[in-house]
Amino acid sequence: MEFVQNFPFFCILLTLITAVITSVIGRRKAIWVTTTLITVVTAMTVCVLVYVLRTGESYAYMMGHFPAPWGNEIRIGVMEALMMTVFCFVMLFSFVGGLLPSIREIESTKYNIYCILVDLLLLALQALVYTNDLFTAYVFIEINTLAAAGLAMMRQKGRNLVAGVRYMMMNLVGSSLFLFGIVILYSITGHLLMVNIRESVAALAQSGEYKIPLTIVVAMVTVGLALKSALYPFEKWLPGTYSNATPSVAAMLSSLVSKGYIFLLVKFYVRVIGFDVICSMGILDVLFILGMLGMIMGSVSAVRAKTTRLMIAYSSVAQIGYIFTAIGLRSEIGIICALWHCAAHAATKSMLFVSCAEMDDACGGTHLRKHLRGAFYHSPMLALAFSLGAINLVGVPLLSVFMTKVTLVQAAIDVGGRHMGLVLIAVAISTLLNAVYFLGTTVNLFTPTKEGDEVFKPTVRKNPFTTAGLIGLMALNIAMGLLSQPFLSALTEGLKNFA
């Protein structure tokens, strides 16, 4: 075994140790320790990505002294390393970009808790991406839920507390469904390791045994993770949580938490149950319909939103709809499209939340979309970052979300039948609505104020951390757009070794 193959385990262990360290040091040191942690984990993940791209194969890493099925293990391939690399960069730039706003809005005595929760969020995300054991996945789903809910309530204001409690309650329902599902699956197969479950499920599917219990398992796990991912109509907790959180928290929650659950769902379908078995159950048809409804209804709600943050939050519902629509197409290219959009949306939505919150401050602390008129002349960098994210989500060519829409339509054409027509209609309606609220807001940013307009004095100075974070996110978005073909090719190769 080459030394670089140990890096995923080292990253998990280092993150766990750092979470303990940040609890006993001062606020300033906790900030630097957490920033250093995310940077180191990002660098090590890049090394792992380079290694698996060079070898083209996935590998299993045994945790402890006992081999599977008695011991635990993680599994790393191109798919895992590529997605984790994007997630790490997004977390790093989001944390740095929202640093000063979080210092202003979070009590100094509680800032250590904030850093601990960020560390735990990174820990859970790595575990969900790498784990090859279903019960371990459940444990870190709960850690992810608790960390995310704690981060949502960090501002200690009425709306944040209500949103955080609602987030916790809805997500615990999803966690419970996932747990009940794996309990039934364990009673059927006698295994928790994903590879072993796959072999048992294949034998059961061939013999026709336990067909109804297996269908119930898939339904419970799907509904649980769909609820936690904010698939329409399970998205009621999302707008309040994202729009009231601090910029860095909103960026991380919208970009990373839900994507970890979606990646786990894809892993459950492909590696645990087997995609052929999943396709035979009809559950993907339900996801397909709900995904398309989410694409449209999320966009309709975003058009009606009066505040910029709420508009961006509802936009996430529409983008999650794209992901589940792609999964519901029951094809390999649909899975690749869904994973690609997980990465593209993570990079874009984090940039929108960080730039939007700072732009509100630059325009006098307003939250209303109509009050952002001429914001470019107050803060050019923030307006440019917001505009890049906006035109990306609309689907402008050469950017990442354009490739999502192209790939989604291509997948629908390959499937044919009613899927093709429904996807074309849903993508067209969603794109039109995206243009209405995103391009309308973007044009307003570059429109000079005229006599009679309300003029707001900036309440917060520009800061280098936000600038650095936004430059990093802008570079990531542009790079993903320009390198979309190599990225999609890597996902295609990774999917071959993912099962």
Protein backbone atom coordinates (compact mmCIF):
# COMPACT_ATOMS: atom_id res chain seq x y z
CA MET A 1 0.00 0.00 0.00
CA GLU A 2 1.32 3.43 -0.95
CA PHE A 3 1.51 6.08 1.76
CA VAL A 4 -1.00 8.37 0.04
CA GLN A 5 -3.67 5.70 0.44
CA ASN A 6 -3.67 6.42 4.18
CA PHE A 7 -4.65 10.07 3.66
CA PRO A 8 -8.45 9.67 3.86
CA PHE A 9 -8.11 7.94 7.25
CA PHE A 10 -5.59 10.56 8.38
CA CYS A 11 -8.00 13.33 7.36
CA ILE A 12 -10.85 11.81 9.36
CA LEU A 13 -8.65 11.28 12.41
CA LEU A 14 -7.11 14.76 12.15
CA THR A 15 -10.55 16.38 11.91
CA LEU A 16 -11.75 14.52 14.99
CA ILE A 17 -8.68 15.55 17.00
CA THR A 18 -8.98 19.18 15.86
CA ALA A 19 -12.61 19.33 17.02
CA VAL A 20 -11.36 18.48 20.52
CA ILE A 21 -8.50 20.99 20.37
CA THR A 22 -10.71 23.90 19.31
CA SER A 23 -12.85 23.40 22.41
CA VAL A 24 -10.04 24.37 24.78
CA ILE A 25 -8.29 27.27 23.00
CA GLY A 26 -9.16 30.92 22.45
CA ARG A 27 -11.34 32.27 19.66
CA ARG A 28 -8.51 33.64 17.53
CA LYS A 29 -6.53 30.40 17.79
CA ALA A 30 -9.65 28.33 17.09
CA ILE A 31 -10.17 30.27 13.84
CA TRP A 32 -6.64 29.64 12.66
CA VAL A 33 -6.68 25.99 13.74
CA THR A 34 -9.94 25.33 11.88
CA THR A 35 -8.74 27.19 8.78
CA THR A 36 -5.50 25.23 8.85
CA LEU A 37 -7.41 21.97 9.28
CA ILE A 38 -9.62 22.58 6.24
CA THR A 39 -6.57 23.62 4.19
CA VAL A 40 -4.60 20.51 5.16
CA VAL A 41 -7.57 18.20 4.51
CA THR A 42 -8.06 19.87 1.12
CA ALA A 43 -4.40 19.39 0.18
CA MET A 44 -4.42 15.73 1.26
CA THR A 45 -7.67 15.08 -0.62
CA VAL A 46 -6.14 16.55 -3.78
CA CYS A 47 -3.22 14.13 -3.37
CA VAL A 48 -5.66 11.22 -3.08
CA LEU A 49 -7.50 12.43 -6.19
CA VAL A 50 -4.27 12.55 -8.18
CA TYR A 51 -3.43 9.02 -7.01
CA VAL A 52 -6.80 7.45 -7.94
CA LEU A 53 -6.86 9.28 -11.27
CA ARG A 54 -3.42 7.82 -12.02
CA THR A 55 -4.36 4.27 -11.03
CA GLY A 56 -7.98 4.41 -12.26
CA GLU A 57 -9.06 2.01 -9.52
CA SER A 58 -10.79 2.24 -6.15
CA TYR A 59 -9.42 0.70 -2.99
CA ALA A 60 -10.72 -0.30 0.43
CA TYR A 61 -8.99 0.84 3.62
CA MET A 62 -9.45 -1.31 6.73
CA MET A 63 -10.14 0.65 9.93
CA GLY A 64 -8.41 -1.07 12.86
CA HIS A 65 -7.15 -4.63 13.09
CA PHE A 66 -10.23 -6.56 12.01
CA PRO A 67 -11.08 -7.18 8.35
CA ALA A 68 -14.59 -6.98 6.93
CA PRO A 69 -17.25 -8.07 7.64
CA TRP A 70 -16.35 -7.84 11.37
CA GLY A 71 -14.35 -4.66 11.12
CA ASN A 72 -15.13 -1.31 9.51
CA GLU A 73 -13.68 0.09 6.32
CA ILE A 74 -13.74 3.05 4.01
CA ARG A 75 -13.56 2.90 0.24
CA ILE A 76 -11.95 5.48 -2.01
CA GLY A 77 -12.12 5.81 -5.78
CA VAL A 78 -12.27 8.54 -8.40
CA MET A 79 -15.89 9.33 -7.57
CA GLU A 80 -15.29 9.79 -3.85
CA ALA A 81 -12.00 11.70 -4.21
CA LEU A 82 -13.34 14.03 -6.90
CA MET A 83 -16.49 14.98 -5.00
CA MET A 84 -14.62 15.35 -1.72
CA THR A 85 -12.06 17.64 -3.37
CA VAL A 86 -14.81 20.00 -4.56
CA PHE A 87 -16.50 19.88 -1.15
CA CYS A 88 -13.24 20.73 0.64
CA PHE A 89 -12.54 23.72 -1.57
CA VAL A 90 -16.10 24.97 -1.09
CA MET A 91 -15.85 24.62 2.69
CA LEU A 92 -12.48 26.38 2.81
CA PHE A 93 -13.59 29.37 0.73
CA SER A 94 -16.97 29.58 2.50
CA PHE A 95 -15.38 29.55 5.95
CA VAL A 96 -12.82 32.19 5.01
CA GLY A 97 -15.27 34.31 3.00
CA GLY A 98 -17.77 34.50 5.86
CA LEU A 99 -15.19 34.85 8.63
CA LEU A 100 -15.70 38.48 9.65
CA PRO A 101 -19.52 38.38 9.44
CA SER A 102 -19.50 35.30 11.66
CA ILE A 103 -17.25 37.06 14.17
CA ARG A 104 -19.66 40.02 14.24
CA GLU A 105 -22.83 37.95 14.54
CA ILE A 106 -21.76 35.13 16.89
CA GLU A 107 -21.11 35.80 20.57
CA SER A 108 -17.39 35.66 21.34
CA THR A 109 -17.98 33.17 24.16
CA LYS A 110 -19.65 30.79 21.70
CA TYR A 111 -17.24 31.09 18.80
CA ASN A 112 -15.34 28.00 19.90
CA ILE A 113 -18.60 26.06 19.55
CA TYR A 114 -18.94 27.42 16.02
CA CYS A 115 -15.46 26.15 15.11
CA ILE A 116 -16.16 22.78 16.73
CA LEU A 117 -19.36 22.40 14.71
CA VAL A 118 -17.56 23.31 11.47
CA ASP A 119 -14.95 20.65 12.28
CA LEU A 120 -17.68 18.08 12.95
CA LEU A 121 -19.42 19.03 9.72
CA LEU A 122 -16.22 18.35 7.81
CA LEU A 123 -15.77 15.08 9.71
CA ALA A 124 -19.29 13.88 8.90
CA LEU A 125 -18.99 14.88 5.26
CA GLN A 126 -15.81 12.86 4.83
CA ALA A 127 -17.35 9.86 6.54
CA LEU A 128 -20.50 9.96 4.39
CA VAL A 129 -18.44 10.15 1.21
CA TYR A 130 -15.88 7.48 2.14
CA THR A 131 -17.72 4.98 4.36
CA ASN A 132 -18.39 1.47 3.13
CA ASP A 133 -20.55 0.56 6.13
CA LEU A 134 -24.25 1.45 6.46
CA PHE A 135 -24.35 1.78 10.25
CA THR A 136 -21.32 4.07 10.19
CA ALA A 137 -23.21 6.14 7.62
CA TYR A 138 -26.13 6.44 10.05
CA VAL A 139 -23.85 7.53 12.90
CA PHE A 140 -22.36 10.32 10.83
CA ILE A 141 -25.77 11.31 9.45
CA GLU A 142 -26.69 12.10 13.05
CA ILE A 143 -23.43 13.97 13.65
CA ASN A 144 -24.04 15.92 10.46
CA THR A 145 -27.58 16.76 11.58
CA LEU A 146 -26.54 17.94 15.03
CA ALA A 147 -23.65 20.02 13.68
CA ALA A 148 -25.81 21.63 10.99
CA ALA A 149 -28.65 22.42 13.42
CA GLY A 150 -26.17 23.93 15.88
CA LEU A 151 -24.66 26.09 13.16
CA ALA A 152 -28.11 27.25 12.07
CA MET A 153 -28.81 28.48 15.62
CA MET A 154 -25.45 30.20 16.13
CA ARG A 155 -26.84 33.75 15.85
CA GLN A 156 -29.08 33.14 18.91
CA LYS A 157 -31.98 35.20 17.54
CA GLY A 158 -35.65 34.28 17.47
CA ARG A 159 -35.91 33.39 13.80
CA ASN A 160 -32.64 31.46 13.87
CA LEU A 161 -33.72 29.43 16.89
CA VAL A 162 -37.09 28.61 15.33
CA ALA A 163 -35.43 27.69 12.01
CA GLY A 164 -32.82 25.58 13.80
CA VAL A 165 -35.43 23.67 15.82
CA ARG A 166 -37.51 23.08 12.69
CA TYR A 167 -34.40 21.89 10.87
CA MET A 168 -33.59 19.52 13.72
CA MET A 169 -37.10 18.06 13.93
CA MET A 170 -37.50 17.48 10.20
CA ASN A 171 -34.03 16.00 9.82
CA LEU A 172 -34.45 13.68 12.79
CA VAL A 173 -37.51 12.25 11.08
CA GLY A 174 -35.34 11.58 8.04
CA SER A 175 -32.62 10.00 10.20
CA SER A 176 -35.19 7.74 11.88
CA LEU A 177 -36.49 6.51 8.54
CA PHE A 178 -32.93 5.77 7.42
CA LEU A 179 -32.23 3.86 10.65
CA PHE A 180 -35.43 1.78 10.39
CA GLY A 181 -34.51 0.99 6.80
CA ILE A 182 -31.05 -0.34 7.60
CA VAL A 183 -32.39 -2.32 10.59
CA ILE A 184 -34.80 -4.16 8.29
CA LEU A 185 -32.05 -4.57 5.68
CA TYR A 186 -29.72 -6.04 8.31
CA SER A 187 -32.41 -8.47 9.44
CA ILE A 188 -32.82 -9.62 5.82
CA THR A 189 -29.18 -9.86 4.78
CA GLY A 190 -27.22 -10.16 8.04
CA HIS A 191 -24.67 -7.59 6.84
CA LEU A 192 -23.86 -3.91 7.29
CA LEU A 193 -20.88 -3.70 4.95
CA MET A 194 -22.09 -2.38 1.59
CA VAL A 195 -20.32 -4.92 -0.62
CA ASN A 196 -21.68 -7.85 1.39
CA ILE A 197 -25.20 -6.43 1.33
CA ARG A 198 -24.97 -6.05 -2.46
CA GLU A 199 -24.18 -9.75 -2.85
CA SER A 200 -27.05 -10.78 -0.57
CA VAL A 201 -29.54 -8.45 -2.29
CA ALA A 202 -28.53 -9.78 -5.71
CA ALA A 203 -29.24 -13.33 -4.53
CA LEU A 204 -32.59 -12.27 -3.02
CA ALA A 205 -33.60 -10.46 -6.21
CA GLN A 206 -32.78 -13.53 -8.27
CA SER A 207 -34.77 -15.85 -6.00
CA GLY A 208 -37.66 -13.42 -5.47
CA GLU A 209 -37.46 -13.66 -1.66
CA TYR A 210 -38.23 -10.73 0.66
CA LYS A 211 -39.41 -8.58 -2.24
CA ILE A 212 -41.85 -6.52 -0.15
CA PRO A 213 -39.47 -5.92 2.82
CA LEU A 214 -36.72 -4.93 0.39
CA THR A 215 -39.05 -2.47 -1.31
CA ILE A 216 -39.96 -1.01 2.09
CA VAL A 217 -36.24 -0.61 2.90
CA VAL A 218 -35.58 1.28 -0.31
CA ALA A 219 -38.65 3.48 0.22
CA MET A 220 -37.70 4.35 3.82
CA VAL A 221 -34.09 5.15 3.01
CA THR A 222 -35.12 7.18 -0.02
CA VAL A 223 -37.74 9.22 1.82
CA GLY A 224 -35.40 9.76 4.77
CA LEU A 225 -32.53 11.08 2.67
CA ALA A 226 -34.86 13.00 0.35
CA LEU A 227 -36.35 14.78 3.36
CA LYS A 228 -32.88 15.67 4.63
CA SER A 229 -31.88 16.86 1.15
CA ALA A 230 -34.95 19.16 0.85
CA LEU A 231 -36.56 17.45 -2.12
CA TYR A 232 -39.95 19.00 -2.86
CA PRO A 233 -42.37 18.75 -1.01
CA PHE A 234 -40.09 18.06 1.98
CA GLU A 235 -38.38 21.46 1.72
CA LYS A 236 -40.41 23.44 4.30
CA TRP A 237 -37.49 23.65 6.72
CA LEU A 238 -35.03 24.99 4.12
CA PRO A 239 -35.93 28.68 3.41
CA GLY A 240 -35.92 29.82 7.02
CA THR A 241 -32.76 27.90 7.86
CA TYR A 242 -30.68 29.19 4.96
CA SER A 243 -31.96 32.78 4.85
CA ASN A 244 -31.46 33.50 8.56
CA ALA A 245 -28.06 31.86 9.08
CA THR A 246 -24.71 33.68 8.98
CA PRO A 247 -23.17 33.89 5.47
CA SER A 248 -20.60 31.14 6.01
CA VAL A 249 -23.14 28.85 7.66
CA ALA A 250 -25.72 29.40 4.89
CA ALA A 251 -23.00 28.73 2.32
CA MET A 252 -21.91 25.48 3.97
CA LEU A 253 -25.41 24.20 4.74
CA SER A 254 -26.75 24.83 1.24
CA SER A 255 -23.64 23.61 -0.54
CA LEU A 256 -22.41 20.66 1.48
CA VAL A 257 -24.85 19.14 3.95
CA SER A 258 -27.57 18.19 1.48
CA LYS A 259 -24.96 17.05 -1.07
CA GLY A 260 -23.50 14.58 1.43
CA TYR A 261 -26.94 12.99 1.82
CA ILE A 262 -27.48 12.86 -1.95
CA PHE A 263 -24.08 11.24 -2.47
CA LEU A 264 -24.98 8.66 0.18
CA LEU A 265 -28.30 7.99 -1.57
CA VAL A 266 -26.51 7.38 -4.88
CA LYS A 267 -24.11 5.08 -3.07
CA PHE A 268 -27.04 3.22 -1.52
CA TYR A 269 -28.67 2.75 -4.92
CA VAL A 270 -25.55 1.74 -6.84
CA ARG A 271 -23.32 0.00 -4.30
CA VAL A 272 -25.72 -1.38 -1.69
CA ILE A 273 -28.90 -2.43 -3.53
CA GLY A 274 -27.74 -2.40 -7.13
CA PHE A 275 -29.09 0.04 -9.70
CA ASP A 276 -30.82 -2.68 -11.72
CA VAL A 277 -32.80 -3.73 -8.65
CA ILE A 278 -33.66 -0.11 -7.85
CA CYS A 279 -34.93 0.50 -11.38
CA SER A 280 -37.25 -2.48 -11.12
CA MET A 281 -39.00 -1.09 -8.02
CA GLY A 282 -40.51 2.06 -9.52
CA ILE A 283 -39.19 4.37 -6.78
CA LEU A 284 -37.18 6.35 -9.34
CA ASP A 285 -40.37 7.34 -11.17
CA VAL A 286 -41.56 9.04 -7.99
CA LEU A 287 -38.23 10.87 -7.62
CA PHE A 288 -38.46 11.93 -11.25
CA ILE A 289 -41.87 13.55 -10.78
CA LEU A 290 -40.98 15.19 -7.45
CA GLY A 291 -37.72 16.44 -8.92
CA MET A 292 -39.47 18.18 -11.79
CA LEU A 293 -42.05 19.68 -9.43
CA GLY A 294 -39.18 20.97 -7.30
CA MET A 295 -37.50 22.54 -10.33
CA ILE A 296 -40.62 24.57 -11.05
CA MET A 297 -42.10 25.23 -7.61
CA GLY A 298 -38.75 26.25 -6.12
CA SER A 299 -38.28 28.74 -8.94
CA VAL A 300 -41.83 30.11 -8.51
CA SER A 301 -41.17 30.68 -4.80
CA ALA A 302 -37.87 32.38 -5.62
CA VAL A 303 -39.59 34.80 -8.00
CA ARG A 304 -42.02 35.75 -5.23
CA ALA A 305 -39.32 36.18 -2.54
CA LYS A 306 -38.77 39.79 -1.44
CA THR A 307 -35.36 39.35 0.20
CA THR A 308 -32.25 38.31 -1.66
CA ARG A 309 -31.31 35.61 0.82
CA LEU A 310 -34.77 34.05 0.68
CA MET A 311 -34.63 34.10 -3.12
CA ILE A 312 -31.33 32.22 -3.07
CA ALA A 313 -32.70 29.76 -0.49
CA TYR A 314 -35.74 28.92 -2.63
CA SER A 315 -33.43 28.58 -5.61
CA SER A 316 -31.79 25.67 -3.78
CA VAL A 317 -35.11 23.82 -3.85
CA ALA A 318 -35.15 24.15 -7.65
CA GLN A 319 -31.53 22.99 -7.96
CA ILE A 320 -32.15 19.96 -5.73
CA GLY A 321 -35.00 19.22 -8.12
CA TYR A 322 -32.54 19.03 -11.02
CA ILE A 323 -30.49 16.46 -9.11
CA PHE A 324 -33.41 14.17 -8.28
CA THR A 325 -34.85 14.49 -11.78
CA ALA A 326 -31.52 13.26 -13.15
CA ILE A 327 -31.46 10.33 -10.70
CA GLY A 328 -35.05 9.49 -11.65
CA LEU A 329 -34.10 9.00 -15.32
CA ARG A 330 -32.84 5.51 -14.43
CA SER A 331 -29.66 5.71 -16.49
CA GLU A 332 -25.92 5.94 -15.97
CA ILE A 333 -25.75 9.37 -17.58
CA GLY A 334 -28.52 10.50 -15.22
CA ILE A 335 -26.44 9.50 -12.18
CA ILE A 336 -23.41 11.30 -13.62
CA CYS A 337 -25.53 14.40 -14.26
CA ALA A 338 -26.81 14.32 -10.67
CA LEU A 339 -23.32 14.07 -9.17
CA TRP A 340 -22.00 16.76 -11.51
CA HIS A 341 -24.77 19.11 -10.41
CA CYS A 342 -24.04 18.35 -6.75
CA ALA A 343 -20.54 19.73 -7.32
CA ALA A 344 -21.65 22.61 -9.57
CA HIS A 345 -24.40 23.73 -7.21
CA ALA A 346 -22.10 23.48 -4.19
CA ALA A 347 -19.55 25.81 -5.78
CA THR A 348 -22.17 28.28 -7.04
CA LYS A 349 -24.59 28.51 -4.13
CA SER A 350 -21.84 29.09 -1.56
CA MET A 351 -20.59 32.04 -3.63
CA LEU A 352 -24.09 33.50 -3.85
CA PHE A 353 -24.72 33.36 -0.10
CA VAL A 354 -21.35 34.87 0.86
CA SER A 355 -21.57 37.69 -1.69
CA CYS A 356 -25.26 38.38 -1.03
CA ALA A 357 -24.91 38.85 2.73
CA GLU A 358 -21.93 41.18 2.36
CA MET A 359 -23.70 43.05 -0.43
CA ASP A 360 -26.66 43.67 1.87
CA ASP A 361 -24.27 45.24 4.39
CA ALA A 362 -22.60 47.31 1.70
CA CYS A 363 -26.03 48.74 0.82
CA GLY A 364 -26.93 49.81 4.34
CA GLY A 365 -27.86 46.50 5.94
CA THR A 366 -30.96 46.00 3.80
CA HIS A 367 -32.22 42.55 2.89
CA LEU A 368 -34.76 43.54 0.25
CA ARG A 369 -33.94 42.85 -3.39
CA LYS A 370 -35.26 46.23 -4.52
CA HIS A 371 -32.78 48.06 -2.28
CA LEU A 372 -29.73 46.56 -4.01
CA ARG A 373 -29.99 49.01 -6.91
CA GLY A 374 -26.51 50.22 -7.84
CA ALA A 375 -24.77 47.81 -5.45
CA PHE A 376 -21.97 47.35 -7.98
CA TYR A 377 -20.84 50.93 -7.33
CA HIS A 378 -20.62 50.26 -3.59
CA SER A 379 -18.84 46.90 -3.81
CA PRO A 380 -17.74 45.79 -7.29
CA MET A 381 -16.21 42.47 -6.17
CA LEU A 382 -19.36 41.35 -4.36
CA ALA A 383 -21.60 42.30 -7.27
CA LEU A 384 -19.37 40.49 -9.76
CA ALA A 385 -19.32 37.33 -7.64
CA PHE A 386 -23.10 37.41 -7.25
CA SER A 387 -23.55 38.02 -10.98
CA LEU A 388 -21.29 35.09 -11.88
CA GLY A 389 -23.32 32.78 -9.63
CA ALA A 390 -26.59 34.13 -10.99
CA ILE A 391 -25.78 33.68 -14.68
CA ASN A 392 -24.33 30.26 -13.89
CA LEU A 393 -27.59 29.03 -12.32
CA VAL A 394 -29.54 30.46 -15.25
CA GLY A 395 -27.45 28.23 -17.52
CA VAL A 396 -25.17 30.52 -19.52
CA PRO A 397 -22.84 28.50 -21.82
CA LEU A 398 -19.24 27.82 -20.73
CA LEU A 399 -20.32 27.65 -17.08
CA SER A 400 -21.00 24.54 -15.01
CA VAL A 401 -24.80 24.57 -14.69
CA PHE A 402 -25.13 24.86 -18.47
CA MET A 403 -23.48 21.43 -18.65
CA THR A 404 -26.01 20.15 -16.10
CA LYS A 405 -28.91 21.16 -18.32
CA VAL A 406 -27.25 19.81 -21.45
CA THR A 407 -26.44 16.49 -19.77
CA LEU A 408 -29.92 16.25 -18.25
CA VAL A 409 -31.59 16.78 -21.62
CA GLN A 410 -29.18 14.30 -23.23
CA ALA A 411 -30.05 11.72 -20.57
CA ALA A 412 -33.77 12.31 -21.14
CA ILE A 413 -33.35 11.91 -24.92
CA ASP A 414 -31.46 8.65 -24.38
CA VAL A 415 -34.26 7.33 -22.17
CA GLY A 416 -36.90 8.59 -24.62
CA GLY A 417 -40.65 8.29 -24.21
CA ARG A 418 -42.53 10.64 -21.92
CA HIS A 419 -39.36 11.39 -19.93
CA MET A 420 -37.92 13.37 -22.82
CA GLY A 421 -40.90 15.69 -23.25
CA LEU A 422 -41.40 16.23 -19.51
CA VAL A 423 -37.72 17.08 -18.92
CA LEU A 424 -37.62 19.51 -21.85
CA ILE A 425 -40.72 21.32 -20.55
CA ALA A 426 -39.49 21.41 -16.93
CA VAL A 427 -35.99 22.63 -17.89
CA ALA A 428 -37.46 25.33 -20.14
CA ILE A 429 -39.88 26.61 -17.46
CA SER A 430 -37.26 26.49 -14.72
CA THR A 431 -34.67 28.28 -16.88
CA LEU A 432 -37.17 31.01 -17.76
CA LEU A 433 -38.05 31.54 -14.10
CA ASN A 434 -34.35 31.50 -13.15
CA ALA A 435 -33.75 34.26 -15.67
CA VAL A 436 -36.62 36.30 -14.22
CA TYR A 437 -35.36 36.43 -10.65
CA PHE A 438 -31.60 36.06 -11.07
CA LEU A 439 -31.06 38.24 -14.13
CA GLY A 440 -33.57 40.78 -12.83
CA THR A 441 -31.61 41.10 -9.60
CA THR A 442 -28.27 41.18 -11.46
CA VAL A 443 -29.38 43.99 -13.77
CA ASN A 444 -30.51 45.94 -10.70
CA LEU A 445 -27.00 45.68 -9.22
CA PHE A 446 -25.49 47.46 -12.22
CA THR A 447 -28.24 50.07 -12.59
CA PRO A 448 -27.10 53.46 -11.19
CA THR A 449 -29.34 55.10 -8.64
CA LYS A 450 -31.21 58.18 -9.82
CA GLU A 451 -32.67 61.17 -8.06
CA GLY A 452 -35.48 60.14 -5.78
CA ASP A 453 -34.13 56.62 -5.13
CA GLU A 454 -33.42 55.54 -1.57
CA VAL A 455 -29.66 55.72 -0.99
CA PHE A 456 -28.14 53.59 1.76
CA LYS A 457 -24.85 54.24 3.46
CA PRO A 458 -22.63 51.14 3.78
CA THR A 459 -22.68 49.79 7.34
CA VAL A 460 -19.64 47.52 7.09
CA ARG A 461 -16.24 48.02 5.54
CA LYS A 462 -14.90 45.73 2.90
CA ASN A 463 -12.70 42.99 4.30
CA PRO A 464 -9.89 40.96 2.74
CA PHE A 465 -11.25 37.63 3.97
CA THR A 466 -14.48 37.98 2.03
CA THR A 467 -12.52 39.08 -1.02
CA ALA A 468 -10.18 36.08 -0.74
CA GLY A 469 -13.06 33.65 -0.26
CA LEU A 470 -15.01 35.04 -3.21
CA ILE A 471 -11.96 35.04 -5.49
CA GLY A 472 -11.45 31.37 -4.61
CA LEU A 473 -15.11 30.52 -5.28
CA MET A 474 -15.14 32.47 -8.54
CA ALA A 475 -12.00 30.66 -9.68
CA LEU A 476 -13.55 27.30 -8.73
CA ASN A 477 -16.73 28.07 -10.67
CA ILE A 478 -14.86 29.22 -13.77
CA ALA A 479 -12.52 26.22 -13.61
CA MET A 480 -15.44 23.79 -13.34
CA GLY A 481 -17.10 25.41 -16.34
CA LEU A 482 -13.98 25.31 -18.50
CA LEU A 483 -12.99 21.81 -17.37
CA SER A 484 -16.49 20.33 -17.42
CA GLN A 485 -15.63 17.65 -20.00
CA PRO A 486 -12.62 16.21 -18.08
CA PHE A 487 -14.71 16.38 -14.88
CA LEU A 488 -17.61 14.49 -16.47
CA SER A 489 -15.19 11.97 -17.99
CA ALA A 490 -13.67 11.36 -14.56
CA LEU A 491 -17.15 10.84 -13.08
CA THR A 492 -17.95 8.38 -15.86
CA GLU A 493 -14.79 6.39 -15.15
CA GLY A 494 -15.38 6.61 -11.43
CA LEU A 495 -18.90 5.23 -11.73
CA LYS A 496 -17.53 2.05 -13.31
CA ASN A 497 -15.63 1.24 -10.09
CA PHE A 498 -18.25 2.71 -7.75
CA ALA A 499 -20.44 -0.38 -7.37
